[in-house]
Protein backbone atom coordinates (compact mmCIF):
# COMPACT_ATOMS: atom_id res chain seq x y z
CA MET A 1 -23.33 -11.61 -51.76
CA ASN A 2 -26.88 -12.32 -50.60
CA TRP A 3 -25.87 -12.18 -46.93
CA PHE A 4 -24.14 -8.84 -47.48
CA THR A 5 -27.21 -7.39 -49.21
CA ALA A 6 -29.44 -8.67 -46.41
CA PHE A 7 -27.12 -7.09 -43.85
CA LEU A 8 -27.34 -3.70 -45.56
CA ARG A 9 -31.14 -3.92 -45.58
CA ARG A 10 -31.32 -4.32 -41.78
CA PRO A 11 -33.35 -1.63 -39.97
CA PRO A 12 -31.33 1.14 -38.31
CA LEU A 13 -30.06 0.64 -34.77
CA GLY A 14 -32.24 2.08 -32.02
CA TRP A 15 -31.49 3.03 -28.41
CA TRP A 16 -32.57 -0.39 -27.15
CA ASP A 17 -30.24 -2.09 -29.63
CA LEU A 18 -27.31 0.00 -28.41
CA ALA A 19 -28.23 -0.76 -24.79
CA ASP A 20 -28.37 -4.46 -25.65
CA ILE A 21 -24.91 -4.33 -27.24
CA LEU A 22 -23.53 -2.38 -24.27
CA VAL A 23 -24.82 -4.87 -21.70
CA VAL A 24 -23.42 -7.84 -23.63
CA SER A 25 -20.08 -6.08 -24.06
CA ILE A 26 -19.82 -5.36 -20.33
CA LEU A 27 -20.69 -8.96 -19.46
CA LEU A 28 -18.08 -10.31 -21.88
CA TYR A 29 -15.47 -7.90 -20.54
CA GLU A 30 -16.16 -8.93 -16.93
CA VAL A 31 -16.00 -12.61 -17.85
CA LEU A 32 -12.68 -12.13 -19.64
CA LYS A 33 -11.29 -10.23 -16.64
CA LEU A 34 -12.45 -12.97 -14.32
CA ILE A 35 -10.89 -15.89 -16.22
CA ARG A 36 -7.63 -14.09 -17.02
CA GLY A 37 -4.70 -16.00 -15.58
CA THR A 38 -6.77 -19.08 -14.63
CA ARG A 39 -7.23 -22.52 -16.15
CA ALA A 40 -10.60 -21.33 -17.49
CA VAL A 41 -8.64 -19.56 -20.26
CA GLN A 42 -7.62 -22.92 -21.74
CA MET A 43 -11.21 -24.09 -21.38
CA ALA A 44 -12.48 -21.05 -23.27
CA LEU A 45 -9.95 -21.64 -26.03
CA GLY A 46 -11.02 -25.27 -26.28
CA ALA A 47 -14.68 -24.25 -26.46
CA GLY A 48 -13.80 -21.80 -29.22
CA VAL A 49 -12.09 -24.56 -31.20
CA ILE A 50 -15.15 -26.84 -30.85
CA VAL A 51 -17.51 -24.05 -31.97
CA ALA A 52 -15.28 -23.30 -34.97
CA LEU A 53 -15.13 -26.99 -35.80
CA TYR A 54 -18.91 -27.27 -35.59
CA TYR A 55 -19.50 -24.46 -38.08
CA THR A 56 -16.70 -25.75 -40.31
CA SER A 57 -18.27 -29.22 -40.38
CA HIS A 58 -21.65 -27.70 -41.14
CA TRP A 59 -20.24 -25.60 -44.00
CA GLY A 60 -18.05 -28.43 -45.35
CA HIS A 61 -20.81 -31.08 -45.04
CA LEU A 62 -18.80 -33.18 -42.60
CA GLU A 63 -21.87 -34.96 -41.31
CA THR A 64 -20.12 -37.34 -38.91
CA VAL A 65 -18.15 -34.58 -37.19
CA ASN A 66 -21.23 -32.39 -37.02
CA TRP A 67 -23.32 -35.21 -35.52
CA LEU A 68 -20.63 -36.02 -32.96
CA ILE A 69 -20.32 -32.42 -31.75
CA ARG A 70 -24.11 -31.99 -31.53
CA ASN A 71 -24.53 -35.13 -29.45
CA LEU A 72 -21.59 -34.48 -27.15
CA PHE A 73 -22.49 -30.86 -26.44
CA GLY A 74 -24.93 -31.67 -23.60
CA TYR A 75 -22.38 -33.87 -21.83
CA VAL A 76 -19.70 -31.19 -22.20
CA VAL A 77 -21.92 -28.68 -20.38
CA PHE A 78 -22.31 -31.02 -17.38
CA ALA A 79 -18.58 -31.77 -17.41
CA VAL A 80 -17.78 -28.05 -17.30
CA ILE A 81 -20.10 -27.54 -14.32
CA VAL A 82 -18.46 -30.37 -12.39
CA LEU A 83 -14.84 -29.52 -13.23
CA PHE A 84 -15.13 -25.75 -12.82
CA GLN A 85 -17.59 -25.48 -9.95
CA SER A 86 -15.14 -23.42 -7.83
CA ASP A 87 -14.56 -20.99 -10.70
CA ILE A 88 -18.31 -20.69 -11.28
CA ARG A 89 -18.86 -19.90 -7.58
CA ARG A 90 -16.12 -17.28 -7.76
CA ALA A 91 -17.71 -15.74 -10.85
CA LEU A 92 -21.14 -15.52 -9.24
CA ALA A 93 -19.61 -13.98 -6.11
CA HIS A 94 -17.76 -11.48 -8.30
CA PHE A 95 -20.93 -10.38 -10.07
CA GLY A 96 -22.81 -10.27 -6.77
CA GLY A 97 -20.15 -7.91 -5.43
CA ALA A 98 -20.58 -5.43 -8.27
CA PRO A 99 -21.17 -1.79 -7.22
CA PHE A 100 -24.84 -1.93 -8.19
CA PHE A 101 -25.52 -4.80 -5.79
CA ARG A 102 -23.30 -3.43 -3.03
CA ILE A 103 -25.78 -0.58 -2.57
CA PHE A 104 -28.23 -3.02 -0.97
CA SER A 105 -25.66 -4.55 1.38
CA ARG A 106 -23.99 -1.30 2.46
CA ASN A 107 -25.92 -0.95 5.73
CA VAL A 108 -25.20 -4.56 6.63
CA GLU A 109 -21.47 -4.02 6.06
CA ILE A 110 -21.50 -0.85 8.17
CA GLU A 111 -23.31 -2.66 10.98
CA GLU A 112 -20.64 -5.38 10.90
CA ALA A 113 -17.87 -2.77 10.92
CA ILE A 114 -19.45 -1.02 13.92
CA GLU A 115 -19.65 -4.31 15.79
CA GLU A 116 -15.99 -5.06 15.07
CA LEU A 117 -14.97 -1.59 16.26
CA THR A 118 -17.04 -1.89 19.43
CA VAL A 119 -15.64 -5.31 20.33
CA ALA A 120 -12.08 -4.13 19.62
CA ALA A 121 -12.52 -1.04 21.81
CA GLY A 122 -13.93 -3.15 24.63
CA LEU A 123 -11.05 -5.64 24.50
CA LEU A 124 -8.41 -2.91 24.36
CA SER A 125 -10.10 -1.09 27.23
CA SER A 126 -10.18 -4.20 29.43
CA GLN A 127 -6.43 -4.68 28.88
CA ARG A 128 -5.63 -0.96 29.18
CA ILE A 129 -3.96 -0.87 25.79
CA GLY A 130 -3.87 2.62 24.28
CA ALA A 131 -5.42 3.02 20.85
CA ILE A 132 -6.78 5.60 18.43
CA ILE A 133 -9.03 4.65 15.52
CA ALA A 134 -10.15 7.23 12.95
CA ILE A 135 -13.24 6.42 10.88
CA GLU A 136 -13.55 8.15 7.52
CA ARG A 137 -16.94 9.61 6.58
CA GLN A 138 -17.63 12.09 3.76
CA ILE A 139 -14.26 13.89 3.77
CA GLY A 140 -11.39 11.64 2.72
CA LEU A 141 -8.35 10.96 4.91
CA ARG A 142 -5.97 10.13 2.08
CA ASN A 143 -3.25 12.52 3.27
CA TYR A 144 -3.01 10.73 6.60
CA ILE A 145 -3.24 7.29 5.00
CA GLU A 146 -0.27 8.02 2.74
CA GLY A 147 1.78 9.02 5.78
CA GLY A 148 1.17 5.67 7.51
CA ILE A 149 1.61 2.00 6.68
CA ARG A 150 -0.93 0.89 4.09
CA LEU A 151 -2.80 -2.31 4.96
CA ASP A 152 -6.09 -2.36 3.00
CA ALA A 153 -7.24 -5.30 5.14
CA VAL A 154 -10.68 -6.50 6.16
CA LEU A 155 -11.74 -4.86 9.41
CA SER A 156 -11.79 -7.22 12.40
CA TYR A 157 -11.31 -6.85 16.14
CA ASP A 158 -8.46 -9.38 16.05
CA LEU A 159 -6.56 -7.23 13.58
CA LEU A 160 -7.13 -4.03 15.57
CA GLN A 161 -6.07 -5.69 18.80
CA SER A 162 -2.88 -7.07 17.24
CA ILE A 163 -1.99 -3.67 15.76
CA PHE A 164 -2.18 -1.85 19.10
CA LEU A 165 -0.31 -4.41 21.16
CA PRO A 166 2.74 -2.67 22.70
CA SER A 167 5.01 -5.26 21.06
CA SER A 168 3.61 -4.48 17.59
CA PRO A 169 5.70 -2.20 15.35
CA LEU A 170 2.44 -0.49 14.26
CA HIS A 171 1.08 0.40 17.70
CA ASP A 172 2.32 4.00 17.55
CA GLY A 173 -0.03 6.28 15.66
CA ALA A 174 -3.63 5.84 14.51
CA VAL A 175 -5.52 3.28 12.51
CA ILE A 176 -7.70 4.71 9.72
CA VAL A 177 -10.84 2.81 8.76
CA GLN A 178 -12.60 3.25 5.42
CA GLU A 179 -16.05 1.58 5.38
CA ASN A 180 -15.33 -2.03 6.39
CA ARG A 181 -11.57 -2.03 5.73
CA VAL A 182 -8.49 -0.99 7.65
CA ALA A 183 -6.84 1.40 5.19
CA ALA A 184 -3.63 2.09 7.12
CA ALA A 185 -1.94 1.92 10.50
CA ALA A 186 0.76 3.94 12.27
CA CYS A 187 -0.75 7.16 10.89
CA PHE A 188 0.21 10.40 12.58
CA LEU A 189 -2.58 12.91 13.13
CA PRO A 190 -2.37 16.66 13.81
CA LEU A 191 -2.51 17.68 17.48
CA THR A 192 -5.10 20.23 18.51
CA VAL A 193 -3.99 23.66 19.70
CA ASN A 194 -7.19 24.36 21.64
CA PRO A 195 -6.08 26.10 24.87
CA LYS A 196 -9.30 25.16 26.69
CA LEU A 197 -8.47 21.46 26.80
CA SER A 198 -7.58 19.85 30.09
CA LYS A 199 -3.89 19.11 30.60
CA ALA A 200 -4.92 15.63 31.69
CA LEU A 201 -5.64 14.70 28.06
CA GLY A 202 -2.83 12.80 26.45
CA SER A 203 -1.43 12.89 22.93
CA ARG A 204 -3.94 10.34 21.60
CA HIS A 205 -6.91 12.42 22.74
CA ARG A 206 -5.34 15.61 21.40
CA ALA A 207 -4.61 13.95 18.05
CA ALA A 208 -8.20 12.71 17.79
CA ILE A 209 -9.53 16.19 18.57
CA GLY A 210 -7.10 17.79 16.11
CA LEU A 211 -8.18 15.43 13.33
CA THR A 212 -11.91 15.93 13.86
CA GLU A 213 -11.49 19.70 14.01
CA GLU A 214 -10.32 19.60 10.39
CA ASN A 215 -12.85 17.16 8.89
CA ASP A 216 -15.95 15.09 9.65
CA ALA A 217 -14.14 11.93 10.75
CA VAL A 218 -15.11 10.05 13.91
CA ALA A 219 -12.32 8.99 16.26
CA ILE A 220 -12.33 6.33 18.98
CA VAL A 221 -9.69 6.65 21.68
CA VAL A 222 -8.79 4.13 24.37
CA SER A 223 -6.73 5.54 27.24
CA GLU A 224 -3.60 3.59 28.14
CA GLU A 225 -3.62 4.89 31.74
CA THR A 226 -7.28 4.35 32.65
CA GLY A 227 -8.68 2.14 29.89
CA ARG A 228 -11.55 4.60 29.40
CA ILE A 229 -13.15 4.72 25.95
CA SER A 230 -13.76 8.10 24.31
CA ILE A 231 -15.35 9.16 21.06
CA VAL A 232 -14.46 12.41 19.30
CA VAL A 233 -16.62 14.22 16.73
CA ASP A 234 -16.20 17.79 15.40
CA GLY A 235 -13.52 18.49 17.98
CA ASP A 236 -15.81 17.48 20.90
CA ILE A 237 -14.83 14.56 23.08
CA GLU A 238 -17.13 12.25 25.04
CA ARG A 239 -15.27 10.27 27.69
CA GLY A 240 -16.04 7.25 29.80
CA LEU A 241 -18.24 5.38 27.33
CA ASP A 242 -19.14 1.74 27.79
CA THR A 243 -19.40 -0.59 24.80
CA GLU A 244 -23.18 -0.30 24.50
CA THR A 245 -23.04 3.51 24.44
CA LEU A 246 -20.16 3.41 21.95
CA ARG A 247 -22.13 1.09 19.65
CA ALA A 248 -25.18 3.38 19.77
CA ARG A 249 -23.11 6.51 19.10
CA LEU A 250 -21.31 4.89 16.15
CA ARG A 251 -24.61 3.79 14.64
CA ALA A 252 -25.98 7.31 14.98
CA LEU A 253 -22.88 8.94 13.51
CA ILE A 254 -21.95 6.52 10.74
CA LEU A 255 -25.33 5.25 9.61
CA GLN A 256 -26.69 8.82 9.90
CA ARG A 257 -30.10 7.72 11.02
CA ASN A 258 -32.87 10.27 11.26
CA ASP A 259 -33.52 9.32 14.87
CA LYS A 260 -29.92 9.60 16.01
CA ALA A 261 -29.34 10.81 19.52
CA PRO A 262 -28.19 14.42 20.01
CA ALA A 263 -24.50 14.87 20.62
CA ARG A 264 -23.40 15.51 24.17
CA GLU A 265 -21.50 18.57 25.22
CA ALA A 266 -17.76 18.32 25.05
CA GLN A 267 -16.16 17.00 28.21
CA TYR A 268 -12.74 18.40 28.89
CA VAL A 269 -12.19 17.03 32.38
């Protein structure tokens, strides 16, 4: 009972002790989530058996078993590193992708997304393939995503180009982008009812204007007839953009830089 008496005489837990327990608990939980369903589970069970055997040999005075485990432990560590190097890399990548660390890489991801959008718009424009891409900002576009075909795919110009090909079953409707992912395709957007718009604007341009009149999304439109690139913000449309201008406008609107260029007046002709 000496160990029990010593346990009761421990000093009370402080805030730092609770924080310590919380951090260890979170780490253990993440590790268990990571190895679930992999061969590392069997490895963890085997390690648990060896640890239990070590303490059992120590308690039962099994000197040979205890000596063997103590001397083999160092070699086991190296064997684990060699055999499970891919799992270790995946674990480190998983922890590096935690929300806390993603804060530092957010701007880099947005820059990459802007580049993919710009290249895709330029390629679609050169081939005169009609397209409409809605980029979510502060106000969510979940209602429109649920009405389309969910993809949740990594954003790339190859993917966008393949979606809007006339032979693709997803080319009708809009693509909705959330951060650096394509959330959904074939999404139908509300058409604007603004009577001041030129009749030369097609359904894609009207849908982009209608969407941005309701929320703070940014829409990129590529005309099927002319191949001209347009960007729509707050119901205002800027037409005839080249790729460099589009890239600069997207950086100003999405990255929300302090030195962003002032928005142009709406062009309805």
